Protein backbone atom coordinates (compact mmCIF):
# COMPACT_ATOMS: atom_id res chain seq x y z
CA MET A 1 84.24 167.96 106.12
CA LYS A 2 87.07 165.87 104.72
CA ALA A 3 87.46 165.35 100.98
CA ARG A 4 89.49 162.55 99.46
CA PHE A 5 90.22 162.18 95.73
CA PHE A 6 90.56 158.49 95.11
CA ILE A 7 90.12 157.61 91.45
CA ALA A 8 90.55 158.75 87.87
CA VAL A 9 87.92 157.23 85.64
CA SER A 10 90.40 157.00 82.78
CA LEU A 11 92.06 154.16 84.70
CA LEU A 12 88.86 152.11 84.78
CA ALA A 13 87.90 149.48 82.23
CA SER A 14 84.79 149.95 80.10
CA SER A 15 82.42 147.03 80.39
CA ILE A 16 78.75 146.01 80.35
CA SER A 17 76.38 145.29 83.20
CA CYS A 18 72.69 145.23 84.06
CA ALA A 19 73.02 147.98 86.64
CA PHE A 20 70.20 150.50 86.58
CA ALA A 21 70.57 154.13 85.62
CA THR A 22 71.93 156.85 87.88
CA ASP A 23 70.79 160.46 87.62
CA SER A 24 73.70 162.32 86.12
CA ALA A 25 74.68 165.15 83.84
CA ILE A 26 76.54 164.46 80.60
CA PRO A 27 78.97 167.05 79.26
CA PRO A 28 77.47 168.21 75.93
CA ILE A 29 78.60 166.93 72.55
CA THR A 30 77.02 168.26 69.38
CA PRO A 31 74.46 165.63 68.34
CA PRO A 32 73.70 164.66 64.75
CA ALA A 33 70.78 166.20 62.85
CA ILE A 34 68.02 163.60 62.64
CA GLN A 35 65.22 163.68 60.08
CA ALA A 36 62.27 162.14 61.91
CA GLY A 37 59.31 163.09 64.07
CA SER A 38 61.04 161.98 67.28
CA TRP A 39 64.07 159.99 68.31
CA VAL A 40 66.15 158.71 71.23
CA LEU A 41 69.62 157.23 71.64
CA MET A 42 69.95 155.37 74.94
CA ASP A 43 72.93 153.73 76.59
CA TYR A 44 71.68 150.26 77.54
CA THR A 45 73.84 149.75 80.63
CA THR A 46 72.90 152.96 82.42
CA GLY A 47 69.64 153.98 80.73
CA GLN A 48 71.14 157.42 80.05
CA ILE A 49 69.80 159.35 77.08
CA LEU A 50 72.75 160.44 74.95
CA THR A 51 70.67 162.50 72.53
CA ALA A 52 66.97 162.90 71.80
CA GLY A 53 64.40 164.98 69.97
CA ASN A 54 60.70 165.23 70.86
CA GLU A 55 61.32 162.14 72.97
CA HIS A 56 58.11 162.45 75.01
CA GLN A 57 55.86 163.34 72.09
CA GLN A 58 52.94 160.90 71.96
CA ARG A 59 52.91 159.20 68.56
CA ASN A 60 51.36 156.17 66.91
CA PRO A 61 53.71 153.26 67.63
CA ALA A 62 52.35 151.04 64.79
CA SER A 63 54.00 147.60 64.98
CA LEU A 64 56.39 148.75 67.70
CA THR A 65 53.34 147.86 69.80
CA LYS A 66 54.39 144.24 69.30
CA LEU A 67 57.34 144.82 71.63
CA MET A 68 54.85 145.03 74.48
CA THR A 69 52.88 142.09 73.10
CA GLY A 70 56.07 140.01 73.18
CA TYR A 71 56.96 141.33 76.62
CA VAL A 72 53.59 140.18 78.00
CA VAL A 73 54.05 136.75 76.39
CA ASP A 74 57.44 136.37 78.03
CA ARG A 75 56.08 137.45 81.41
CA ALA A 76 53.43 134.73 81.09
CA ILE A 77 56.20 132.21 80.39
CA ASP A 78 58.28 133.47 83.33
CA SER A 79 55.30 133.11 85.67
CA HIS A 80 54.72 129.53 84.39
CA ARG A 81 51.21 130.33 83.17
CA ILE A 82 52.29 128.99 79.78
CA THR A 83 55.37 127.40 78.24
CA PRO A 84 57.04 128.00 74.87
CA ASP A 85 56.04 124.47 73.84
CA ASP A 86 52.30 124.96 74.49
CA ILE A 87 50.23 124.34 71.37
CA VAL A 88 47.75 127.06 70.40
CA THR A 89 44.74 126.33 68.22
CA VAL A 90 44.23 129.34 65.95
CA GLY A 91 40.74 130.85 66.19
CA ARG A 92 38.65 132.52 63.49
CA ASP A 93 39.52 136.03 64.74
CA ALA A 94 43.22 135.33 64.04
CA TRP A 95 42.51 134.26 60.43
CA ALA A 96 42.93 137.01 57.87
CA LYS A 97 40.34 135.53 55.48
CA GLY A 98 37.20 137.62 55.64
CA ASN A 99 38.67 139.86 58.35
CA PRO A 100 38.83 143.47 57.07
CA VAL A 101 40.97 144.54 60.04
CA PHE A 102 43.90 142.63 58.54
CA ASP A 103 43.55 143.91 54.94
CA GLY A 104 46.98 144.86 53.61
CA SER A 105 48.69 144.30 56.95
CA SER A 106 51.62 142.11 58.02
CA LEU A 107 50.70 138.47 58.58
CA MET A 108 52.20 135.13 59.52
CA PHE A 109 49.47 133.64 57.29
CA LEU A 110 47.79 131.49 59.92
CA LYS A 111 44.54 129.66 59.19
CA GLU A 112 41.67 128.88 61.51
CA GLY A 113 42.31 125.54 63.19
CA ASP A 114 46.10 125.62 62.74
CA ARG A 115 47.97 124.25 65.74
CA VAL A 116 51.08 126.29 66.44
CA SER A 117 53.46 126.44 69.41
CA VAL A 118 53.81 129.58 71.52
CA HIS A 119 57.47 129.67 70.44
CA ASP A 120 56.61 129.70 66.72
CA LEU A 121 53.86 132.26 67.19
CA SER A 122 56.37 134.47 69.00
CA ARG A 123 58.74 134.20 66.04
CA GLY A 124 55.86 135.07 63.73
CA LEU A 125 55.07 138.09 65.88
CA ILE A 126 58.68 139.34 65.82
CA VAL A 127 60.15 138.32 62.45
CA ASP A 128 57.01 138.50 60.28
CA SER A 129 55.36 141.20 62.41
CA GLY A 130 52.30 138.98 62.10
CA ASN A 131 49.12 140.64 63.33
CA ASP A 132 47.42 137.25 63.20
CA ALA A 133 50.10 135.78 65.50
CA CYS A 134 49.42 138.58 68.01
CA VAL A 135 45.70 137.75 68.09
CA ALA A 136 46.32 134.01 68.46
CA LEU A 137 48.66 134.60 71.41
CA ALA A 138 46.26 137.08 73.02
CA ASP A 139 43.38 134.62 72.79
CA TYR A 140 45.46 131.81 74.28
CA ILE A 141 47.03 133.78 77.14
CA ALA A 142 44.20 136.09 78.15
CA GLY A 143 41.06 134.63 76.59
CA GLY A 144 40.62 137.55 74.19
CA GLN A 145 42.14 140.72 72.82
CA PRO A 146 40.56 143.20 75.30
CA GLN A 147 41.82 141.15 78.24
CA PHE A 148 45.31 140.98 76.74
CA VAL A 149 45.36 144.74 76.06
CA ALA A 150 44.57 145.22 79.75
CA MET A 151 47.65 143.15 80.57
CA MET A 152 49.72 145.31 78.20
CA ASN A 153 48.59 148.47 79.95
CA HIS A 154 49.32 146.89 83.34
CA TYR A 155 52.95 146.54 82.28
CA VAL A 156 52.87 150.12 80.97
CA GLU A 157 52.27 151.13 84.58
CA THR A 158 54.81 148.66 85.96
CA LEU A 159 57.54 150.03 83.67
CA LYS A 160 56.41 153.64 84.34
CA LEU A 161 55.82 154.41 80.67
CA ARG A 162 54.24 157.84 81.10
CA ASP A 163 53.55 158.54 77.41
CA THR A 164 52.04 155.17 76.48
CA HIS A 165 48.60 153.59 76.20
CA PHE A 166 47.61 150.59 74.11
CA GLU A 167 44.27 149.81 72.47
CA THR A 168 45.30 146.87 70.25
CA VAL A 169 47.54 143.81 70.50
CA HIS A 170 49.18 144.44 67.11
CA GLY A 171 49.54 148.20 66.64
CA LEU A 172 47.15 148.90 63.79
CA ASP A 173 45.86 152.48 64.06
CA ALA A 174 43.33 152.92 66.87
CA PRO A 175 42.04 156.04 68.66
CA GLY A 176 43.75 156.54 72.01
CA GLN A 177 46.77 154.36 71.20
CA HIS A 178 50.10 156.13 71.56
CA SER A 179 53.64 155.87 72.82
CA SER A 180 56.87 157.88 72.66
CA ALA A 181 60.45 157.37 71.58
CA TYR A 182 61.53 157.58 75.22
CA ASP A 183 59.02 155.00 76.47
CA LEU A 184 59.87 152.59 73.65
CA ALA A 185 63.57 152.86 74.51
CA VAL A 186 62.74 151.99 78.14
CA LEU A 187 60.62 149.03 76.98
CA SER A 188 63.38 147.83 74.64
CA ARG A 189 65.89 147.97 77.48
CA ALA A 190 63.56 145.89 79.64
CA ILE A 191 63.19 143.32 76.86
CA ILE A 192 66.94 142.99 76.34
CA HIS A 193 67.61 142.83 80.08
CA GLY A 194 64.79 140.50 81.06
CA GLU A 195 64.30 138.19 78.09
CA PRO A 196 67.64 136.54 77.18
CA ASP A 197 65.89 133.41 75.85
CA PHE A 198 63.39 135.51 73.91
CA TYR A 199 65.50 138.39 72.66
CA HIS A 200 67.52 136.36 70.13
CA MET A 201 64.38 136.15 67.97
CA TYR A 202 64.73 139.86 67.20
CA SER A 203 67.93 139.12 65.26
CA GLU A 204 66.41 136.42 63.02
CA LYS A 205 66.58 137.61 59.42
CA SER A 206 63.80 135.45 58.00
CA LEU A 207 61.06 133.01 58.90
CA THR A 208 59.52 130.26 56.79
CA TRP A 209 56.02 129.15 57.78
CA ASN A 210 53.68 126.93 55.73
CA GLY A 211 56.05 127.25 52.78
CA ILE A 212 56.05 131.06 52.88
CA THR A 213 59.38 132.77 53.61
CA GLN A 214 59.36 136.37 54.82
CA GLN A 215 62.30 138.64 55.55
CA ASN A 216 62.71 140.65 58.73
CA ARG A 217 61.95 144.28 57.81
CA ASN A 218 64.81 145.59 59.95
CA GLY A 219 67.37 146.16 57.22
CA LEU A 220 70.09 147.06 59.74
CA LEU A 221 70.40 143.37 60.60
CA TRP A 222 72.30 143.06 57.29
CA ASP A 223 74.51 146.12 57.89
CA LYS A 224 78.10 144.89 58.18
CA THR A 225 79.34 148.20 59.61
CA MET A 226 77.66 147.52 62.96
CA ASN A 227 76.46 144.62 65.06
CA VAL A 228 72.69 145.20 65.16
CA ASP A 229 70.73 142.35 66.82
CA GLY A 230 67.20 143.84 67.06
CA LEU A 231 64.61 145.12 67.66
CA LYS A 232 61.61 146.05 65.46
CA THR A 233 60.11 148.11 62.65
CA GLY A 234 56.65 149.61 62.36
CA HIS A 235 54.60 151.48 59.79
CA THR A 236 51.09 152.77 59.29
CA SER A 237 49.82 155.78 57.38
CA GLY A 238 49.31 157.59 60.67
CA ALA A 239 52.65 156.62 62.22
CA GLY A 240 55.07 157.01 59.35
CA PHE A 241 58.09 154.74 59.39
CA ASN A 242 59.35 153.64 62.82
CA LEU A 243 62.41 151.63 63.83
CA ILE A 244 64.09 150.54 67.04
CA ALA A 245 67.61 149.20 66.57
CA SER A 246 70.05 147.94 69.18
CA ALA A 247 73.74 147.52 68.40
CA VAL A 248 76.61 146.00 70.36
CA ASP A 249 80.06 147.57 70.07
CA GLY A 250 82.60 145.52 72.00
CA LYS A 251 81.05 145.10 75.45
CA ARG A 252 78.68 148.06 75.24
CA ARG A 253 75.20 148.36 73.76
CA LEU A 254 73.17 151.30 72.44
CA ILE A 255 69.45 151.51 71.64
CA ALA A 256 68.20 153.87 68.90
CA VAL A 257 64.51 154.72 68.46
CA VAL A 258 63.31 156.56 65.36
CA MET A 259 59.63 157.45 64.93
CA GLY A 260 57.95 159.18 62.00
CA ALA A 261 60.69 158.85 59.38
CA ASP A 262 59.68 159.35 55.74
CA SER A 263 60.62 155.94 54.31
CA PRO A 264 61.99 152.48 55.19
CA LYS A 265 65.45 153.61 54.06
CA GLY A 266 65.06 156.89 55.95
CA ARG A 267 64.38 155.20 59.28
CA GLU A 268 67.42 152.95 58.79
CA ASP A 269 69.66 155.86 57.83
CA GLN A 270 68.61 157.88 60.88
CA ALA A 271 69.02 154.95 63.29
CA ARG A 272 72.42 154.17 61.78
CA THR A 273 73.47 157.79 62.23
CA LEU A 274 72.47 157.75 65.90
CA LEU A 275 74.23 154.45 66.63
CA HIS A 276 77.46 155.44 64.86
CA TRP A 277 77.51 158.80 66.65
CA GLY A 278 77.05 157.14 70.03
CA GLN A 279 79.71 154.52 69.37
CA GLN A 280 82.22 157.09 68.18
CA ASN A 281 81.72 159.63 70.95
CA PHE A 282 80.81 157.77 74.16
CA ASP A 283 82.11 155.01 76.37
CA THR A 284 80.30 153.15 79.15
CA VAL A 285 82.52 153.19 82.22
CA GLN A 286 82.22 151.42 85.56
CA VAL A 287 82.80 154.18 88.10
CA LEU A 288 82.18 152.23 91.31
CA GLN A 289 82.11 148.55 92.18
CA ASN A 290 79.96 146.95 94.87
CA GLY A 291 82.09 146.20 97.94
CA LYS A 292 85.30 147.70 96.55
CA LYS A 293 87.19 149.96 98.94
CA VAL A 294 87.58 153.59 97.88
CA GLY A 295 89.17 154.83 101.09
CA THR A 296 90.11 154.14 104.71
CA GLU A 297 89.32 156.48 107.61
CA ARG A 298 90.25 156.70 111.26
CA ILE A 299 87.47 155.58 113.59
CA TRP A 300 87.45 156.51 117.24
CA TYR A 301 86.46 154.44 120.31
CA GLY A 302 86.26 151.16 118.39
CA ASP A 303 87.84 147.75 118.48
CA LYS A 304 89.67 148.78 115.29
CA GLU A 305 91.52 151.99 114.49
CA THR A 306 90.44 152.27 110.84
CA ILE A 307 87.39 151.43 108.74
CA ASN A 308 87.08 150.72 105.01
CA LEU A 309 84.63 152.84 103.02
CA GLY A 310 83.08 152.31 99.59
CA THR A 311 79.73 151.64 97.96
CA ASP A 312 77.27 148.77 98.16
CA GLN A 313 76.18 149.04 94.53
CA ASP A 314 77.69 148.92 91.05
CA PHE A 315 77.60 152.27 89.26
CA TRP A 316 78.14 152.90 85.57
CA LEU A 317 78.10 156.05 83.47
CA ALA A 318 78.09 156.73 79.76
CA LEU A 319 80.70 159.46 79.31
CA PRO A 320 82.07 161.33 76.30
CA LYS A 321 85.36 159.74 75.31
CA THR A 322 87.05 163.15 75.14
CA GLU A 323 86.06 163.88 78.75
CA ILE A 324 87.12 160.60 80.37
CA PRO A 325 90.69 161.83 81.12
CA ASN A 326 89.16 164.79 82.97
CA ILE A 327 86.85 162.70 85.15
CA LYS A 328 87.81 162.22 88.77
CA ALA A 329 85.95 161.11 91.89
CA LYS A 330 86.25 162.11 95.52
CA TYR A 331 84.38 161.34 98.69
CA VAL A 332 83.27 163.72 101.41
CA LEU A 333 82.35 162.61 104.94
CA ASP A 334 79.03 163.81 106.34
CA GLY A 335 80.73 164.72 109.63
CA LYS A 336 84.19 165.63 110.87
CA GLU A 337 85.00 162.14 112.16
CA LEU A 338 83.69 158.61 112.63
CA GLU A 339 82.95 157.01 115.99
CA ALA A 340 82.21 153.41 116.97
CA PRO A 341 80.00 151.51 117.18
CA ILE A 342 79.05 151.64 113.51
CA ALA A 343 77.27 149.10 111.31
CA ALA A 344 78.28 147.83 107.89
CA HIS A 345 76.57 149.51 104.89
CA GLN A 346 75.80 152.63 106.92
CA ARG A 347 75.94 155.92 105.03
CA VAL A 348 78.75 158.14 106.26
CA GLY A 349 79.21 160.51 103.33
CA GLU A 350 78.93 161.11 99.62
CA ILE A 351 80.96 160.06 96.59
CA GLN A 352 81.14 162.83 94.00
CA LEU A 353 82.11 162.51 90.34
CA TYR A 354 83.68 165.56 88.71
CA ASP A 355 84.28 166.57 85.12
CA ARG A 356 86.96 169.16 85.72
CA ASP A 357 85.26 171.37 88.34
CA LYS A 358 81.65 170.33 87.64
CA ILE A 359 79.83 167.59 89.57
CA VAL A 360 78.24 165.20 87.08
CA ALA A 361 77.04 162.49 89.51
CA HIS A 362 76.95 161.62 93.19
CA TRP A 363 76.23 158.50 95.26
CA PRO A 364 76.14 157.47 98.96
CA LEU A 365 79.45 156.58 100.65
CA VAL A 366 78.95 153.65 103.03
CA THR A 367 80.93 151.58 105.49
CA LEU A 368 82.10 148.23 104.14
CA GLU A 369 82.44 146.66 107.58
CA SER A 370 81.11 147.03 111.09
CA VAL A 371 83.22 148.26 113.98
CA LYS A 372 82.21 147.44 117.54
CA LYS A 373 82.82 149.63 120.56
CA GLY A 374 86.33 149.09 121.90
CA GLY A 375 87.27 147.97 125.38
CA MET A 376 87.55 150.39 128.29
CA PHE A 377 91.32 150.92 128.01
CA SER A 378 91.13 151.29 124.22
CA ARG A 379 88.39 153.89 124.52
CA LEU A 380 90.29 155.72 127.25
CA SER A 381 93.42 155.81 125.09
CA ASP A 382 91.37 157.14 122.16
CA TYR A 383 89.86 159.79 124.40
CA PHE A 384 93.24 161.21 125.38
CA HIS A 385 94.59 161.03 121.81
CA HIS A 386 91.38 162.53 120.45
CA LYS A 387 91.40 165.44 122.84
CA ALA A 388 95.12 166.09 122.59
């Protein structure tokens, strides 16, 4: 097999993309000590977990449930079942008056008979964490809360959230309802990636409705040391204090999930610690670019003498900043040589990423062009050269 070193990652520019994650190993860096029941720090671009603790432990998500509620609403908009401008008539079950389920909980303060747009109810769901807004949207989209919960759990399966099951549209404590820090990071990534017209609501600091102004409970939105633009807080007696925060640093984004902290300040402090640690220690690097040549090889018996090789996908990795100078890539052919005819995008080998002498990732090496069989005299010439 031939091996060709072709790139040093330190020469590549860090950037942001919506490419999906690649299985890879990350050279270890000592993570911060986090005071919470479970936590995750995820690189948004790649989906890599930079550090985590009890990340698959099933816990009460509390109002982090509303991330899935909002996700279902946006899917209904995307599929043209509803529009943001649709007007919803608020039913009795979404009115807190006389409804013991809502006692002491977060509300948008809707009243039965109010007529509110889907857009404003979505803001009430996100900024006010309004349980009443969740019920109004569920009734409008699915005809009732049980039907909407079924839709939520359908998307649990679609997103492959293995630790998650919902029983309510709002996240108030309910037997059998649970999620994990890992699953909620995956859901947050899907929201940021798939809801550009919806996601900006998560950065709104306040909402005034019917003369009542409420502040977003995510205190990190006011933190001037980092650019946090979402996502959500949650709290019940059974859940403790939960927070998902996403921060942009230059062109890269990190997602921190903290579940089961001991106070509102505690969840903010722990999320801040995770985000600062990730920003200080990691960079998100484009390792390979779709269609970009990484090497040229001799091809026998074709109408060309050489063929360009590369990858047909974009690949990114979150790498420790201290290790980037030590990262190099090489490709290895599957066989000793290449022979025509050969199609474009055909696998012919493997691209391997090394940190010093350790492989940290690998991807298929493919042809970037097709090469047809050469003419008789060309093939005959190749035969004598090949056998010489």
